[in-house]
Amino acid sequence: MNAEKIKQISKRMSYILRHKPDSAGLTLAPGGWVAIDDLIGALKISREYLDEVVSTNDKQRFEYSEDATKIRARQGHSTAVDLQYEAATPPDLLFHGTAVRFLESIRENGLIRGKRHHVHLSVDREMMIAVGSRHGKPVVLEVNAKQMLMDGNQFYVTGNHVWLTEHVAPQYIRESP
């Protein structure tokens, strides 16, 4: 299938499922789910194209429900939706990728979720370099998730292994060597 078309559909799906479902005449159900048939109709694509987008997305942003009748974005929402993830115990150390130009603010305020529901963290340091590169000269931050958890912070993990939390205070952050 046409790689450029797949990329365009993926971007449109991200926009609809994470930020503006009403732009396609859709409403997110609890958990962030949308009926696959409704999304296909809104995007005017085939199920084959949808399957291709879901299976080839480099960050595995989308997932089907167990009965394969619904689809959702796994994380990154700016719209009001309860993704219904269960609290989980993270590994002791997690990583966050950002750009050097944001370090001063991070040192003062920590990692904030901004307009999204959560701060995104990963066990994959290399992937976080790529994430940081999207915003300028990259830097990877180490997050002491073990101490955060001991101090009462909650974590959630998505199906594509992105760790989510509300906020990471400065005392839990260290610049990765």
C-alpha atoms as a PDB file:
ATOM      1  CA  MET A   1       0.000   0.000   0.000  1.00  0.00           C
ATOM      2  CA  ASN A   2       1.066   3.582  -0.564  1.00  0.00           C
ATOM      3  CA  ALA A   3       3.409   4.575   2.295  1.00  0.00           C
ATOM      4  CA  GLU A   4       2.527   8.270   2.037  1.00  0.00           C
ATOM      5  CA  LYS A   5      -1.199   7.523   2.260  1.00  0.00           C
ATOM      6  CA  ILE A   6      -0.604   5.277   5.294  1.00  0.00           C
ATOM      7  CA  LYS A   7       1.317   8.133   6.977  1.00  0.00           C
ATOM      8  CA  GLN A   8      -1.474  10.631   6.220  1.00  0.00           C
ATOM      9  CA  ILE A   9      -4.142   8.289   7.589  1.00  0.00           C
ATOM     10  CA  SER A  10      -2.054   7.683  10.724  1.00  0.00           C
ATOM     11  CA  LYS A  11      -1.735  11.420  11.370  1.00  0.00           C
ATOM     12  CA  ARG A  12      -5.453  11.955  10.829  1.00  0.00           C
ATOM     13  CA  MET A  13      -6.271   9.042  13.154  1.00  0.00           C
ATOM     14  CA  SER A  14      -3.982  10.477  15.836  1.00  0.00           C
ATOM     15  CA  TYR A  15      -5.720  13.825  15.557  1.00  0.00           C
ATOM     16  CA  ILE A  16      -9.188  12.276  15.746  1.00  0.00           C
ATOM     17  CA  LEU A  17      -8.541   9.648  18.422  1.00  0.00           C
ATOM     18  CA  ARG A  18      -6.264  11.762  20.646  1.00  0.00           C
ATOM     19  CA  HIS A  19      -7.423  15.335  20.245  1.00  0.00           C
ATOM     20  CA  LYS A  20     -10.548  16.129  18.215  1.00  0.00           C
ATOM     21  CA  PRO A  21     -12.953  13.211  17.721  1.00  0.00           C
ATOM     22  CA  ASP A  22     -15.745  15.682  16.975  1.00  0.00           C
ATOM     23  CA  SER A  23     -13.811  16.867  13.890  1.00  0.00           C
ATOM     24  CA  ALA A  24     -14.875  13.561  12.311  1.00  0.00           C
ATOM     25  CA  GLY A  25     -18.311  13.463  13.930  1.00  0.00           C
ATOM     26  CA  LEU A  26     -17.162  10.902  16.512  1.00  0.00           C
ATOM     27  CA  THR A  27     -17.338  10.675  20.303  1.00  0.00           C
ATOM     28  CA  LEU A  28     -14.877   8.697  22.392  1.00  0.00           C
ATOM     29  CA  ALA A  29     -16.508   6.053  24.579  1.00  0.00           C
ATOM     30  CA  PRO A  30     -15.066   5.192  28.014  1.00  0.00           C
ATOM     31  CA  GLY A  31     -11.545   3.901  27.531  1.00  0.00           C
ATOM     32  CA  GLY A  32     -11.118   6.125  24.475  1.00  0.00           C
ATOM     33  CA  TRP A  33     -12.764   3.588  22.179  1.00  0.00           C
ATOM     34  CA  VAL A  34     -14.500   4.278  18.857  1.00  0.00           C
ATOM     35  CA  ALA A  35     -16.340   1.713  16.735  1.00  0.00           C
ATOM     36  CA  ILE A  36     -14.066   0.642  13.881  1.00  0.00           C
ATOM     37  CA  ASP A  37     -16.889   0.936  11.349  1.00  0.00           C
ATOM     38  CA  ASP A  38     -17.526   4.538  12.461  1.00  0.00           C
ATOM     39  CA  LEU A  39     -13.851   5.464  12.097  1.00  0.00           C
ATOM     40  CA  ILE A  40     -13.603   3.788   8.679  1.00  0.00           C
ATOM     41  CA  GLY A  41     -16.666   5.729   7.569  1.00  0.00           C
ATOM     42  CA  ALA A  42     -15.303   9.019   8.900  1.00  0.00           C
ATOM     43  CA  LEU A  43     -11.918   8.493   7.232  1.00  0.00           C
ATOM     44  CA  LYS A  44     -13.437   7.070   4.031  1.00  0.00           C
ATOM     45  CA  ILE A  45     -10.925   4.229   3.947  1.00  0.00           C
ATOM     46  CA  SER A  46     -11.078   0.442   3.787  1.00  0.00           C
ATOM     47  CA  ARG A  47     -10.565  -1.928   6.697  1.00  0.00           C
ATOM     48  CA  GLU A  48      -7.395  -3.083   4.922  1.00  0.00           C
ATOM     49  CA  TYR A  49      -5.937   0.425   5.066  1.00  0.00           C
ATOM     50  CA  LEU A  50      -6.895   0.720   8.727  1.00  0.00           C
ATOM     51  CA  ASP A  51      -5.246  -2.621   9.518  1.00  0.00           C
ATOM     52  CA  GLU A  52      -2.111  -1.484   7.669  1.00  0.00           C
ATOM     53  CA  VAL A  53      -1.957   1.779   9.651  1.00  0.00           C
ATOM     54  CA  VAL A  54      -2.388  -0.026  12.973  1.00  0.00           C
ATOM     55  CA  SER A  55       0.126  -2.780  12.232  1.00  0.00           C
ATOM     56  CA  THR A  56       2.855  -0.581  10.728  1.00  0.00           C
ATOM     57  CA  ASN A  57       2.715   2.437  13.040  1.00  0.00           C
ATOM     58  CA  ASP A  58       6.274   2.817  14.321  1.00  0.00           C
ATOM     59  CA  LYS A  59       5.147   3.684  17.845  1.00  0.00           C
ATOM     60  CA  GLN A  60       2.175   1.306  17.901  1.00  0.00           C
ATOM     61  CA  ARG A  61      -0.079   4.243  18.838  1.00  0.00           C
ATOM     62  CA  PHE A  62      -3.329   2.415  18.123  1.00  0.00           C
ATOM     63  CA  GLU A  63      -4.935  -0.771  19.351  1.00  0.00           C
ATOM     64  CA  TYR A  64      -8.028  -2.803  18.633  1.00  0.00           C
ATOM     65  CA  SER A  65     -10.375  -4.021  21.334  1.00  0.00           C
ATOM     66  CA  GLU A  66     -10.257  -7.725  22.177  1.00  0.00           C
ATOM     67  CA  ASP A  67     -13.354  -8.373  20.034  1.00  0.00           C
ATOM     68  CA  ALA A  68     -11.859  -6.279  17.168  1.00  0.00           C
ATOM     69  CA  THR A  69     -14.921  -4.028  16.899  1.00  0.00           C
ATOM     70  CA  LYS A  70     -13.350  -0.902  18.435  1.00  0.00           C
ATOM     71  CA  ILE A  71     -10.125   1.055  18.142  1.00  0.00           C
ATOM     72  CA  ARG A  72      -8.352   3.648  20.282  1.00  0.00           C
ATOM     73  CA  ALA A  73      -5.155   5.616  20.625  1.00  0.00           C
ATOM     74  CA  ARG A  74      -3.131   4.184  23.494  1.00  0.00           C
ATOM     75  CA  GLN A  75      -1.899   7.511  24.923  1.00  0.00           C
ATOM     76  CA  GLY A  76      -1.270  11.166  24.133  1.00  0.00           C
ATOM     77  CA  HIS A  77      -4.827  12.421  24.523  1.00  0.00           C
ATOM     78  CA  SER A  78      -5.590  16.084  25.043  1.00  0.00           C
ATOM     79  CA  THR A  79      -9.337  15.514  25.041  1.00  0.00           C
ATOM     80  CA  ALA A  80     -11.252  14.489  28.149  1.00  0.00           C
ATOM     81  CA  VAL A  81     -11.298  10.688  28.271  1.00  0.00           C
ATOM     82  CA  ASP A  82     -10.635   8.067  30.932  1.00  0.00           C
ATOM     83  CA  LEU A  83      -8.374   5.471  29.317  1.00  0.00           C
ATOM     84  CA  GLN A  84      -9.153   3.087  32.185  1.00  0.00           C
ATOM     85  CA  TYR A  85      -5.600   1.877  32.675  1.00  0.00           C
ATOM     86  CA  GLU A  86      -4.885   0.074  35.920  1.00  0.00           C
ATOM     87  CA  ALA A  87      -2.094   1.338  38.178  1.00  0.00           C
ATOM     88  CA  ALA A  88       1.123  -0.610  37.597  1.00  0.00           C
ATOM     89  CA  THR A  89       4.530  -0.945  39.227  1.00  0.00           C
ATOM     90  CA  PRO A  90       7.198   0.563  36.961  1.00  0.00           C
ATOM     91  CA  PRO A  91      10.820  -0.495  36.670  1.00  0.00           C
ATOM     92  CA  ASP A  92      13.142   1.409  39.001  1.00  0.00           C
ATOM     93  CA  LEU A  93      14.391   3.701  36.248  1.00  0.00           C
ATOM     94  CA  LEU A  94      12.499   5.216  33.319  1.00  0.00           C
ATOM     95  CA  PHE A  95      13.558   7.668  30.611  1.00  0.00           C
ATOM     96  CA  HIS A  96      12.084  10.789  29.050  1.00  0.00           C
ATOM     97  CA  GLY A  97      13.294  12.351  25.828  1.00  0.00           C
ATOM     98  CA  THR A  98      13.200  16.100  25.344  1.00  0.00           C
ATOM     99  CA  ALA A  99      15.174  18.923  23.794  1.00  0.00           C
ATOM    100  CA  VAL A 100      18.013  20.757  25.539  1.00  0.00           C
ATOM    101  CA  ARG A 101      16.097  24.044  25.209  1.00  0.00           C
ATOM    102  CA  PHE A 102      13.478  22.762  27.696  1.00  0.00           C
ATOM    103  CA  LEU A 103      15.954  21.813  30.450  1.00  0.00           C
ATOM    104  CA  GLU A 104      15.737  25.062  32.418  1.00  0.00           C
ATOM    105  CA  SER A 105      11.966  24.764  32.740  1.00  0.00           C
ATOM    106  CA  ILE A 106      12.230  21.057  33.608  1.00  0.00           C
ATOM    107  CA  ARG A 107      14.799  21.787  36.316  1.00  0.00           C
ATOM    108  CA  GLU A 108      12.340  24.267  37.868  1.00  0.00           C
ATOM    109  CA  ASN A 109       8.978  22.549  37.294  1.00  0.00           C
ATOM    110  CA  GLY A 110       9.776  18.929  36.531  1.00  0.00           C
ATOM    111  CA  LEU A 111       8.068  17.098  33.710  1.00  0.00           C
ATOM    112  CA  ILE A 112       4.543  18.386  33.254  1.00  0.00           C
ATOM    113  CA  ARG A 113       1.856  16.842  31.115  1.00  0.00           C
ATOM    114  CA  GLY A 114       0.861  20.089  29.448  1.00  0.00           C
ATOM    115  CA  LYS A 115      -2.384  19.677  27.528  1.00  0.00           C
ATOM    116  CA  ARG A 116      -2.128  15.891  27.611  1.00  0.00           C
ATOM    117  CA  HIS A 117      -3.351  13.511  30.276  1.00  0.00           C
ATOM    118  CA  HIS A 118       0.056  12.207  31.331  1.00  0.00           C
ATOM    119  CA  VAL A 119       3.811  12.530  31.090  1.00  0.00           C
ATOM    120  CA  HIS A 120       5.178   9.793  28.802  1.00  0.00           C
ATOM    121  CA  LEU A 121       8.147   7.701  29.935  1.00  0.00           C
ATOM    122  CA  SER A 122       9.910   4.642  28.545  1.00  0.00           C
ATOM    123  CA  VAL A 123      12.355   1.889  29.421  1.00  0.00           C
ATOM    124  CA  ASP A 124      13.900   2.411  25.968  1.00  0.00           C
ATOM    125  CA  ARG A 125      16.614   5.062  26.246  1.00  0.00           C
ATOM    126  CA  GLU A 126      17.376   4.970  22.511  1.00  0.00           C
ATOM    127  CA  MET A 127      13.759   5.641  21.588  1.00  0.00           C
ATOM    128  CA  MET A 128      13.779   8.646  23.922  1.00  0.00           C
ATOM    129  CA  ILE A 129      16.733  10.107  21.999  1.00  0.00           C
ATOM    130  CA  ALA A 130      14.577   9.951  18.870  1.00  0.00           C
ATOM    131  CA  VAL A 131      11.657  11.558  20.723  1.00  0.00           C
ATOM    132  CA  GLY A 132      13.871  14.387  21.967  1.00  0.00           C
ATOM    133  CA  SER A 133      15.259  14.902  18.459  1.00  0.00           C
ATOM    134  CA  ARG A 134      11.819  15.906  17.203  1.00  0.00           C
ATOM    135  CA  HIS A 135      12.046  19.093  19.283  1.00  0.00           C
ATOM    136  CA  GLY A 136      15.676  20.126  18.809  1.00  0.00           C
ATOM    137  CA  LYS A 137      19.001  18.928  20.209  1.00  0.00           C
ATOM    138  CA  PRO A 138      18.005  15.847  22.231  1.00  0.00           C
ATOM    139  CA  VAL A 139      18.663  15.055  25.840  1.00  0.00           C
ATOM    140  CA  VAL A 140      17.518  11.996  27.756  1.00  0.00           C
ATOM    141  CA  LEU A 141      16.400  12.339  31.343  1.00  0.00           C
ATOM    142  CA  GLU A 142      16.460   9.530  33.882  1.00  0.00           C
ATOM    143  CA  VAL A 143      13.430   9.317  36.146  1.00  0.00           C
ATOM    144  CA  ASN A 144      13.712   7.615  39.525  1.00  0.00           C
ATOM    145  CA  ALA A 145      10.403   5.790  39.208  1.00  0.00           C
ATOM    146  CA  LYS A 146      11.171   3.563  42.191  1.00  0.00           C
ATOM    147  CA  GLN A 147      11.356   6.557  44.543  1.00  0.00           C
ATOM    148  CA  MET A 148       8.331   8.208  42.925  1.00  0.00           C
ATOM    149  CA  LEU A 149       6.293   5.057  43.530  1.00  0.00           C
ATOM    150  CA  MET A 150       7.517   4.821  47.133  1.00  0.00           C
ATOM    151  CA  ASP A 151       6.450   8.465  47.568  1.00  0.00           C
ATOM    152  CA  GLY A 152       2.911   7.674  46.433  1.00  0.00           C
ATOM    153  CA  ASN A 153       2.945   8.578  42.738  1.00  0.00           C
ATOM    154  CA  GLN A 154       0.946   6.353  40.413  1.00  0.00           C
ATOM    155  CA  PHE A 155       2.054   4.876  37.111  1.00  0.00           C
ATOM    156  CA  TYR A 156       0.180   3.232  34.272  1.00  0.00           C
ATOM    157  CA  VAL A 157       1.526   1.253  31.336  1.00  0.00           C
ATOM    158  CA  THR A 158       0.024   1.090  27.859  1.00  0.00           C
ATOM    159  CA  GLY A 159      -0.076  -1.828  25.444  1.00  0.00           C
ATOM    160  CA  ASN A 160       2.925  -0.383  23.596  1.00  0.00           C
ATOM    161  CA  HIS A 161       4.972  -0.141  26.827  1.00  0.00           C
ATOM    162  CA  VAL A 162       4.735   3.615  27.341  1.00  0.00           C
ATOM    163  CA  TRP A 163       4.713   4.454  31.029  1.00  0.00           C
ATOM    164  CA  LEU A 164       2.356   7.238  32.089  1.00  0.00           C
ATOM    165  CA  THR A 165       2.262   9.408  35.198  1.00  0.00           C
ATOM    166  CA  GLU A 166       0.678  12.733  36.110  1.00  0.00           C
ATOM    167  CA  HIS A 167       3.849  14.723  36.858  1.00  0.00           C
ATOM    168  CA  VAL A 168       7.520  14.119  37.556  1.00  0.00           C
ATOM    169  CA  ALA A 169       8.870  16.539  40.157  1.00  0.00           C
ATOM    170  CA  PRO A 170      12.438  17.849  39.669  1.00  0.00           C
ATOM    171  CA  GLN A 171      13.876  15.823  42.554  1.00  0.00           C
ATOM    172  CA  TYR A 172      13.179  12.581  40.631  1.00  0.00           C
ATOM    173  CA  ILE A 173      14.970  13.719  37.459  1.00  0.00           C
ATOM    174  CA  ARG A 174      18.589  13.415  36.459  1.00  0.00           C
ATOM    175  CA  GLU A 175      20.198  14.153  33.125  1.00  0.00           C
ATOM    176  CA  SER A 176      21.323  10.903  31.585  1.00  0.00           C
ATOM    177  CA  PRO A 177      25.061  10.686  30.871  1.00  0.00           C
END
